[in-house]
Amino acid sequence: CVLDDAAVREQIEPAAALLRGRTVVNLTTTTP
């Protein structure tokens, strides 16, 4: 639950390997 789509990407893209197999719920307001 961060500022915007860019902030989401900033956090999760470098952590791709860590997130593999996990569930991410993005409650950040973004466009469709």
PDB file of all heavy atoms in Angstrom:
ATOM      1  N   CYS A   1       0.873  -1.168   0.000  1.00  0.00           N
ATOM      2  CA  CYS A   1       0.000   0.000   0.000  1.00  0.00           C
ATOM      3  C   CYS A   1       0.914   1.223   0.000  1.00  0.00           C
ATOM      4  O   CYS A   1       1.195   1.817   1.037  1.00  0.00           O
ATOM      5  CB  CYS A   1      -0.916  -0.020   1.218  1.00  0.00           C
ATOM      6  SG  CYS A   1      -2.189   1.262   1.187  1.00  0.00           S
ATOM      7  N   VAL A   2       1.369   1.574  -1.193  1.00  0.00           N
ATOM      8  CA  VAL A   2       2.345   2.652  -1.335  1.00  0.00           C
ATOM      9  C   VAL A   2       1.751   3.773  -2.193  1.00  0.00           C
ATOM     10  O   VAL A   2       0.550   3.793  -2.457  1.00  0.00           O
ATOM     11  CB  VAL A   2       3.671   2.116  -1.908  1.00  0.00           C
ATOM     12  CG1 VAL A   2       4.361   1.213  -0.878  1.00  0.00           C
ATOM     13  CG2 VAL A   2       3.462   1.342  -3.202  1.00  0.00           C
ATOM     14  N   LEU A   3       2.610   4.695  -2.637  1.00  0.00           N
ATOM     15  CA  LEU A   3       2.109   5.908  -3.276  1.00  0.00           C
ATOM     16  C   LEU A   3       1.450   5.665  -4.627  1.00  0.00           C
ATOM     17  O   LEU A   3       0.344   6.136  -4.893  1.00  0.00           O
ATOM     18  CB  LEU A   3       3.258   6.914  -3.438  1.00  0.00           C
ATOM     19  CG  LEU A   3       2.905   8.236  -4.115  1.00  0.00           C
ATOM     20  CD1 LEU A   3       1.873   9.000  -3.300  1.00  0.00           C
ATOM     21  CD2 LEU A   3       4.167   9.070  -4.317  1.00  0.00           C
ATOM     22  N   ASP A   4       2.142   4.927  -5.503  1.00  0.00           N
ATOM     23  CA  ASP A   4       1.641   4.760  -6.858  1.00  0.00           C
ATOM     24  C   ASP A   4       2.287   3.548  -7.513  1.00  0.00           C
ATOM     25  O   ASP A   4       3.062   2.811  -6.872  1.00  0.00           O
ATOM     26  CB  ASP A   4       1.895   6.029  -7.695  1.00  0.00           C
ATOM     27  CG  ASP A   4       3.360   6.456  -7.690  1.00  0.00           C
ATOM     28  OD1 ASP A   4       4.245   5.619  -7.367  1.00  0.00           O
ATOM     29  OD2 ASP A   4       3.646   7.632  -7.997  1.00  0.00           O
ATOM     30  N   ASP A   5       1.979   3.335  -8.781  1.00  0.00           N
ATOM     31  CA  ASP A   5       2.497   2.173  -9.502  1.00  0.00           C
ATOM     32  C   ASP A   5       4.014   2.176  -9.548  1.00  0.00           C
ATOM     33  O   ASP A   5       4.650   1.122  -9.401  1.00  0.00           O
ATOM     34  CB  ASP A   5       1.928   2.166 -10.925  1.00  0.00           C
ATOM     35  CG  ASP A   5       2.413   0.992 -11.749  1.00  0.00           C
ATOM     36  OD1 ASP A   5       2.063  -0.149 -11.422  1.00  0.00           O
ATOM     37  OD2 ASP A   5       3.180   1.224 -12.721  1.00  0.00           O
ATOM     38  N   ALA A   6       4.619   3.335  -9.729  1.00  0.00           N
ATOM     39  CA  ALA A   6       6.078   3.415  -9.774  1.00  0.00           C
ATOM     40  C   ALA A   6       6.690   2.955  -8.460  1.00  0.00           C
ATOM     41  O   ALA A   6       7.715   2.261  -8.440  1.00  0.00           O
ATOM     42  CB  ALA A   6       6.517   4.839 -10.101  1.00  0.00           C
ATOM     43  N   ALA A   7       6.071   3.325  -7.341  1.00  0.00           N
ATOM     44  CA  ALA A   7       6.575   2.907  -6.031  1.00  0.00           C
ATOM     45  C   ALA A   7       6.427   1.404  -5.836  1.00  0.00           C
ATOM     46  O   ALA A   7       7.282   0.760  -5.220  1.00  0.00           O
ATOM     47  CB  ALA A   7       5.841   3.665  -4.929  1.00  0.00           C
ATOM     48  N   VAL A   8       5.329   0.834  -6.364  1.00  0.00           N
ATOM     49  CA  VAL A   8       5.146  -0.619  -6.304  1.00  0.00           C
ATOM     50  C   VAL A   8       6.285  -1.310  -7.036  1.00  0.00           C
ATOM     51  O   VAL A   8       6.936  -2.224  -6.525  1.00  0.00           O
ATOM     52  CB  VAL A   8       3.797  -1.033  -6.915  1.00  0.00           C
ATOM     53  CG1 VAL A   8       3.703  -2.561  -7.030  1.00  0.00           C
ATOM     54  CG2 VAL A   8       2.643  -0.504  -6.081  1.00  0.00           C
ATOM     55  N   ARG A   9       6.536  -0.853  -8.258  1.00  0.00           N
ATOM     56  CA  ARG A   9       7.594  -1.458  -9.081  1.00  0.00           C
ATOM     57  C   ARG A   9       8.955  -1.328  -8.407  1.00  0.00           C
ATOM     58  O   ARG A   9       9.777  -2.253  -8.456  1.00  0.00           O
ATOM     59  CB  ARG A   9       7.631  -0.768 -10.439  1.00  0.00           C
ATOM     60  CG  ARG A   9       6.357  -0.929 -11.271  1.00  0.00           C
ATOM     61  CD  ARG A   9       6.320  -2.266 -11.929  1.00  0.00           C
ATOM     62  NE  ARG A   9       5.260  -2.343 -12.930  1.00  0.00           N
ATOM     63  CZ  ARG A   9       5.222  -3.243 -13.892  1.00  0.00           C
ATOM     64  NH1 ARG A   9       6.199  -4.137 -14.001  1.00  0.00           N
ATOM     65  NH2 ARG A   9       4.234  -3.280 -14.750  1.00  0.00           N
ATOM     66  N   GLU A  10       9.183  -0.183  -7.801  1.00  0.00           N
ATOM     67  CA  GLU A  10      10.472   0.057  -7.150  1.00  0.00           C
ATOM     68  C   GLU A  10      10.732  -0.972  -6.060  1.00  0.00           C
ATOM     69  O   GLU A  10      11.883  -1.385  -5.845  1.00  0.00           O
ATOM     70  CB  GLU A  10      10.484   1.461  -6.551  1.00  0.00           C
ATOM     71  CG  GLU A  10      11.775   1.822  -5.833  1.00  0.00           C
ATOM     72  CD  GLU A  10      11.703   3.176  -5.152  1.00  0.00           C
ATOM     73  OE1 GLU A  10      10.701   3.901  -5.344  1.00  0.00           O
ATOM     74  OE2 GLU A  10      12.655   3.504  -4.412  1.00  0.00           O
ATOM     75  N   GLN A  11       9.682  -1.407  -5.382  1.00  0.00           N
ATOM     76  CA  GLN A  11       9.858  -2.336  -4.275  1.00  0.00           C
ATOM     77  C   GLN A  11       9.888  -3.793  -4.726  1.00  0.00           C
ATOM     78  O   GLN A  11      10.703  -4.581  -4.225  1.00  0.00           O
ATOM     79  CB  GLN A  11       8.744  -2.138  -3.235  1.00  0.00           C
ATOM     80  CG  GLN A  11       8.702  -0.764  -2.625  1.00  0.00           C
ATOM     81  CD  GLN A  11      10.028  -0.341  -2.022  1.00  0.00           C
ATOM     82  OE1 GLN A  11      10.777  -1.151  -1.479  1.00  0.00           O
ATOM     83  NE2 GLN A  11      10.341   0.950  -2.117  1.00  0.00           N
ATOM     84  N   ILE A  12       9.022  -4.164  -5.656  1.00  0.00           N
ATOM     85  CA  ILE A  12       8.899  -5.599  -5.931  1.00  0.00           C
ATOM     86  C   ILE A  12       9.803  -6.101  -7.061  1.00  0.00           C
ATOM     87  O   ILE A  12      10.208  -7.267  -7.038  1.00  0.00           O
ATOM     88  CB  ILE A  12       7.431  -5.997  -6.205  1.00  0.00           C
ATOM     89  CG1 ILE A  12       6.907  -5.406  -7.513  1.00  0.00           C
ATOM     90  CG2 ILE A  12       6.545  -5.631  -5.052  1.00  0.00           C
ATOM     91  CD1 ILE A  12       5.557  -5.987  -7.899  1.00  0.00           C
ATOM     92  N   GLU A  13      10.108  -5.265  -8.031  1.00  0.00           N
ATOM     93  CA  GLU A  13      10.898  -5.780  -9.143  1.00  0.00           C
ATOM     94  C   GLU A  13      12.278  -6.283  -8.703  1.00  0.00           C
ATOM     95  O   GLU A  13      12.707  -7.357  -9.141  1.00  0.00           O
ATOM     96  CB  GLU A  13      10.995  -4.740 -10.254  1.00  0.00           C
ATOM     97  CG  GLU A  13       9.677  -4.572 -11.006  1.00  0.00           C
ATOM     98  CD  GLU A  13       9.777  -3.615 -12.179  1.00  0.00           C
ATOM     99  OE1 GLU A  13      10.798  -2.900 -12.294  1.00  0.00           O
ATOM    100  OE2 GLU A  13       8.825  -3.599 -12.993  1.00  0.00           O
ATOM    101  N   PRO A  14      12.996  -5.564  -7.826  1.00  0.00           N
ATOM    102  CA  PRO A  14      14.293  -6.104  -7.374  1.00  0.00           C
ATOM    103  C   PRO A  14      14.139  -7.358  -6.502  1.00  0.00           C
ATOM    104  O   PRO A  14      15.110  -8.084  -6.291  1.00  0.00           O
ATOM    105  CB  PRO A  14      14.889  -4.950  -6.558  1.00  0.00           C
ATOM    106  CG  PRO A  14      14.150  -3.730  -6.992  1.00  0.00           C
ATOM    107  CD  PRO A  14      12.773  -4.208  -7.301  1.00  0.00           C
ATOM    108  N   ALA A  15      12.927  -7.594  -6.000  1.00  0.00           N
ATOM    109  CA  ALA A  15      12.699  -8.724  -5.097  1.00  0.00           C
ATOM    110  C   ALA A  15      12.009  -9.890  -5.798  1.00  0.00           C
ATOM    111  O   ALA A  15      11.410 -10.752  -5.151  1.00  0.00           O
ATOM    112  CB  ALA A  15      11.861  -8.267  -3.909  1.00  0.00           C
ATOM    113  N   ALA A  16      12.098  -9.943  -7.121  1.00  0.00           N
ATOM    114  CA  ALA A  16      11.393 -10.972  -7.888  1.00  0.00           C
ATOM    115  C   ALA A  16      11.706 -12.377  -7.395  1.00  0.00           C
ATOM    116  O   ALA A  16      10.812 -13.215  -7.224  1.00  0.00           O
ATOM    117  CB  ALA A  16      11.722 -10.829  -9.372  1.00  0.00           C
ATOM    118  N   ALA A  17      12.986 -12.654  -7.156  1.00  0.00           N
ATOM    119  CA  ALA A  17      13.372 -14.001  -6.720  1.00  0.00           C
ATOM    120  C   ALA A  17      12.782 -14.329  -5.350  1.00  0.00           C
ATOM    121  O   ALA A  17      12.350 -15.464  -5.091  1.00  0.00           O
ATOM    122  CB  ALA A  17      14.889 -14.119  -6.688  1.00  0.00           C
ATOM    123  N   LEU A  18      12.735 -13.344  -4.466  1.00  0.00           N
ATOM    124  CA  LEU A  18      12.176 -13.554  -3.130  1.00  0.00           C
ATOM    125  C   LEU A  18      10.673 -13.807  -3.177  1.00  0.00           C
ATOM    126  O   LEU A  18      10.126 -14.543  -2.353  1.00  0.00           O
ATOM    127  CB  LEU A  18      12.448 -12.331  -2.245  1.00  0.00           C
ATOM    128  CG  LEU A  18      13.893 -12.067  -1.840  1.00  0.00           C
ATOM    129  CD1 LEU A  18      13.981 -10.731  -1.105  1.00  0.00           C
ATOM    130  CD2 LEU A  18      14.416 -13.190  -0.957  1.00  0.00           C
ATOM    131  N   LEU A  19       9.998 -13.191  -4.132  1.00  0.00           N
ATOM    132  CA  LEU A  19       8.541 -13.264  -4.205  1.00  0.00           C
ATOM    133  C   LEU A  19       8.034 -14.488  -4.947  1.00  0.00           C
ATOM    134  O   LEU A  19       6.837 -14.787  -4.901  1.00  0.00           O
ATOM    135  CB  LEU A  19       7.993 -11.997  -4.877  1.00  0.00           C
ATOM    136  CG  LEU A  19       8.110 -10.709  -4.060  1.00  0.00           C
ATOM    137  CD1 LEU A  19       7.732  -9.504  -4.917  1.00  0.00           C
ATOM    138  CD2 LEU A  19       7.237 -10.777  -2.810  1.00  0.00           C
ATOM    139  N   ARG A  20       8.914 -15.192  -5.632  1.00  0.00           N
ATOM    140  CA  ARG A  20       8.481 -16.366  -6.401  1.00  0.00           C
ATOM    141  C   ARG A  20       7.772 -17.357  -5.482  1.00  0.00           C
ATOM    142  O   ARG A  20       8.283 -17.744  -4.446  1.00  0.00           O
ATOM    143  CB  ARG A  20       9.676 -17.022  -7.084  1.00  0.00           C
ATOM    144  CG  ARG A  20       9.293 -18.173  -8.017  1.00  0.00           C
ATOM    145  CD  ARG A  20      10.453 -18.588  -8.892  1.00  0.00           C
ATOM    146  NE  ARG A  20      10.750 -17.548  -9.886  1.00  0.00           N
ATOM    147  CZ  ARG A  20      11.860 -16.839  -9.909  1.00  0.00           C
ATOM    148  NH1 ARG A  20      12.800 -17.037  -8.991  1.00  0.00           N
ATOM    149  NH2 ARG A  20      12.063 -15.920 -10.842  1.00  0.00           N
ATOM    150  N   GLY A  21       6.563 -17.737  -5.876  1.00  0.00           N
ATOM    151  CA  GLY A  21       5.776 -18.675  -5.094  1.00  0.00           C
ATOM    152  C   GLY A  21       4.936 -18.038  -3.998  1.00  0.00           C
ATOM    153  O   GLY A  21       4.155 -18.726  -3.344  1.00  0.00           O
ATOM    154  N   ARG A  22       5.074 -16.745  -3.810  1.00  0.00           N
ATOM    155  CA  ARG A  22       4.294 -16.050  -2.784  1.00  0.00           C
ATOM    156  C   ARG A  22       3.089 -15.343  -3.422  1.00  0.00           C
ATOM    157  O   ARG A  22       3.016 -15.185  -4.641  1.00  0.00           O
ATOM    158  CB  ARG A  22       5.147 -15.032  -2.034  1.00  0.00           C
ATOM    159  CG  ARG A  22       6.403 -15.621  -1.380  1.00  0.00           C
ATOM    160  CD  ARG A  22       7.194 -14.541  -0.632  1.00  0.00           C
ATOM    161  NE  ARG A  22       8.546 -14.967  -0.352  1.00  0.00           N
ATOM    162  CZ  ARG A  22       8.915 -15.651   0.721  1.00  0.00           C
ATOM    163  NH1 ARG A  22       8.009 -15.979   1.622  1.00  0.00           N
ATOM    164  NH2 ARG A  22      10.184 -16.010   0.899  1.00  0.00           N
ATOM    165  N   THR A  23       2.186 -14.899  -2.570  1.00  0.00           N
ATOM    166  CA  THR A  23       1.032 -14.128  -3.020  1.00  0.00           C
ATOM    167  C   THR A  23       1.242 -12.665  -2.669  1.00  0.00           C
ATOM    168  O   THR A  23       1.565 -12.334  -1.523  1.00  0.00           O
ATOM    169  CB  THR A  23      -0.267 -14.624  -2.363  1.00  0.00           C
ATOM    170  OG1 THR A  23      -0.478 -15.994  -2.699  1.00  0.00           O
ATOM    171  CG2 THR A  23      -1.465 -13.812  -2.842  1.00  0.00           C
ATOM    172  N   VAL A  24       1.059 -11.794  -3.653  1.00  0.00           N
ATOM    173  CA  VAL A  24       1.166 -10.351  -3.450  1.00  0.00           C
ATOM    174  C   VAL A  24      -0.215  -9.736  -3.649  1.00  0.00           C
ATOM    175  O   VAL A  24      -0.881  -9.996  -4.657  1.00  0.00           O
ATOM    176  CB  VAL A  24       2.165  -9.716  -4.431  1.00  0.00           C
ATOM    177  CG1 VAL A  24       2.111  -8.189  -4.349  1.00  0.00           C
ATOM    178  CG2 VAL A  24       3.582 -10.212  -4.144  1.00  0.00           C
ATOM    179  N   VAL A  25      -0.653  -8.954  -2.688  1.00  0.00           N
ATOM    180  CA  VAL A  25      -1.901  -8.200  -2.809  1.00  0.00           C
ATOM    181  C   VAL A  25      -1.523  -6.730  -2.913  1.00  0.00           C
ATOM    182  O   VAL A  25      -0.988  -6.142  -1.963  1.00  0.00           O
ATOM    183  CB  VAL A  25      -2.827  -8.429  -1.596  1.00  0.00           C
ATOM    184  CG1 VAL A  25      -4.110  -7.612  -1.758  1.00  0.00           C
ATOM    185  CG2 VAL A  25      -3.157  -9.909  -1.453  1.00  0.00           C
ATOM    186  N   ASN A  26      -1.785  -6.149  -4.065  1.00  0.00           N
ATOM    187  CA  ASN A  26      -1.435  -4.746  -4.281  1.00  0.00           C
ATOM    188  C   ASN A  26      -2.658  -3.875  -4.018  1.00  0.00           C
ATOM    189  O   ASN A  26      -3.601  -3.862  -4.806  1.00  0.00           O
ATOM    190  CB  ASN A  26      -0.928  -4.530  -5.709  1.00  0.00           C
ATOM    191  CG  ASN A  26      -0.473  -3.094  -5.928  1.00  0.00           C
ATOM    192  OD1 ASN A  26      -0.111  -2.399  -4.976  1.00  0.00           O
ATOM    193  ND2 ASN A  26      -0.511  -2.642  -7.171  1.00  0.00           N
ATOM    194  N   LEU A  27      -2.631  -3.158  -2.909  1.00  0.00           N
ATOM    195  CA  LEU A  27      -3.736  -2.278  -2.549  1.00  0.00           C
ATOM    196  C   LEU A  27      -3.395  -0.812  -2.814  1.00  0.00           C
ATOM    197  O   LEU A  27      -4.029   0.087  -2.275  1.00  0.00           O
ATOM    198  CB  LEU A  27      -4.125  -2.485  -1.086  1.00  0.00           C
ATOM    199  CG  LEU A  27      -4.671  -3.879  -0.762  1.00  0.00           C
ATOM    200  CD1 LEU A  27      -5.023  -3.989   0.716  1.00  0.00           C
ATOM    201  CD2 LEU A  27      -5.890  -4.194  -1.628  1.00  0.00           C
ATOM    202  N   THR A  28      -2.409  -0.601  -3.663  1.00  0.00           N
ATOM    203  CA  THR A  28      -2.046   0.742  -4.122  1.00  0.00           C
ATOM    204  C   THR A  28      -3.006   1.160  -5.218  1.00  0.00           C
ATOM    205  O   THR A  28      -3.353   0.357  -6.086  1.00  0.00           O
ATOM    206  CB  THR A  28      -0.610   0.734  -4.668  1.00  0.00           C
ATOM    207  OG1 THR A  28       0.264   0.236  -3.656  1.00  0.00           O
ATOM    208  CG2 THR A  28      -0.180   2.111  -5.118  1.00  0.00           C
ATOM    209  N   THR A  29      -3.445   2.394  -5.210  1.00  0.00           N
ATOM    210  CA  THR A  29      -4.352   2.878  -6.254  1.00  0.00           C
ATOM    211  C   THR A  29      -3.592   3.031  -7.567  1.00  0.00           C
ATOM    212  O   THR A  29      -2.610   3.777  -7.642  1.00  0.00           O
ATOM    213  CB  THR A  29      -4.975   4.226  -5.851  1.00  0.00           C
ATOM    214  OG1 THR A  29      -5.664   4.066  -4.607  1.00  0.00           O
ATOM    215  CG2 THR A  29      -5.948   4.709  -6.915  1.00  0.00           C
ATOM    216  N   THR A  30      -4.044   2.307  -8.589  1.00  0.00           N
ATOM    217  CA  THR A  30      -3.431   2.374  -9.914  1.00  0.00           C
ATOM    218  C   THR A  30      -4.521   2.390 -10.973  1.00  0.00           C
ATOM    219  O   THR A  30      -5.705   2.217 -10.672  1.00  0.00           O
ATOM    220  CB  THR A  30      -2.514   1.160 -10.172  1.00  0.00           C
ATOM    221  OG1 THR A  30      -3.311  -0.040 -10.218  1.00  0.00           O
ATOM    222  CG2 THR A  30      -1.455   1.009  -9.085  1.00  0.00           C
ATOM    223  N   THR A  31      -4.121   2.553 -12.227  1.00  0.00           N
ATOM    224  CA  THR A  31      -5.076   2.449 -13.320  1.00  0.00           C
ATOM    225  C   THR A  31      -5.260   0.970 -13.670  1.00  0.00           C
ATOM    226  O   THR A  31      -4.406   0.134 -13.334  1.00  0.00           O
ATOM    227  CB  THR A  31      -4.598   3.186 -14.580  1.00  0.00           C
ATOM    228  OG1 THR A  31      -3.474   2.475 -15.146  1.00  0.00           O
ATOM    229  CG2 THR A  31      -4.192   4.624 -14.258  1.00  0.00           C
ATOM    230  N   PRO A  32      -6.342   0.618 -14.358  1.00  0.00           N
ATOM    231  CA  PRO A  32      -6.531  -0.777 -14.764  1.00  0.00           C
ATOM    232  C   PRO A  32      -5.365  -1.331 -15.586  1.00  0.00           C
ATOM    233  O   PRO A  32      -4.930  -2.464 -15.356  1.00  0.00           O
ATOM    234  CB  PRO A  32      -7.834  -0.730 -15.582  1.00  0.00           C
ATOM    235  CG  PRO A  32      -8.588   0.420 -14.987  1.00  0.00           C
ATOM    236  CD  PRO A  32      -7.543   1.441 -14.658  1.00  0.00           C
TER     237      PRO A  32
END
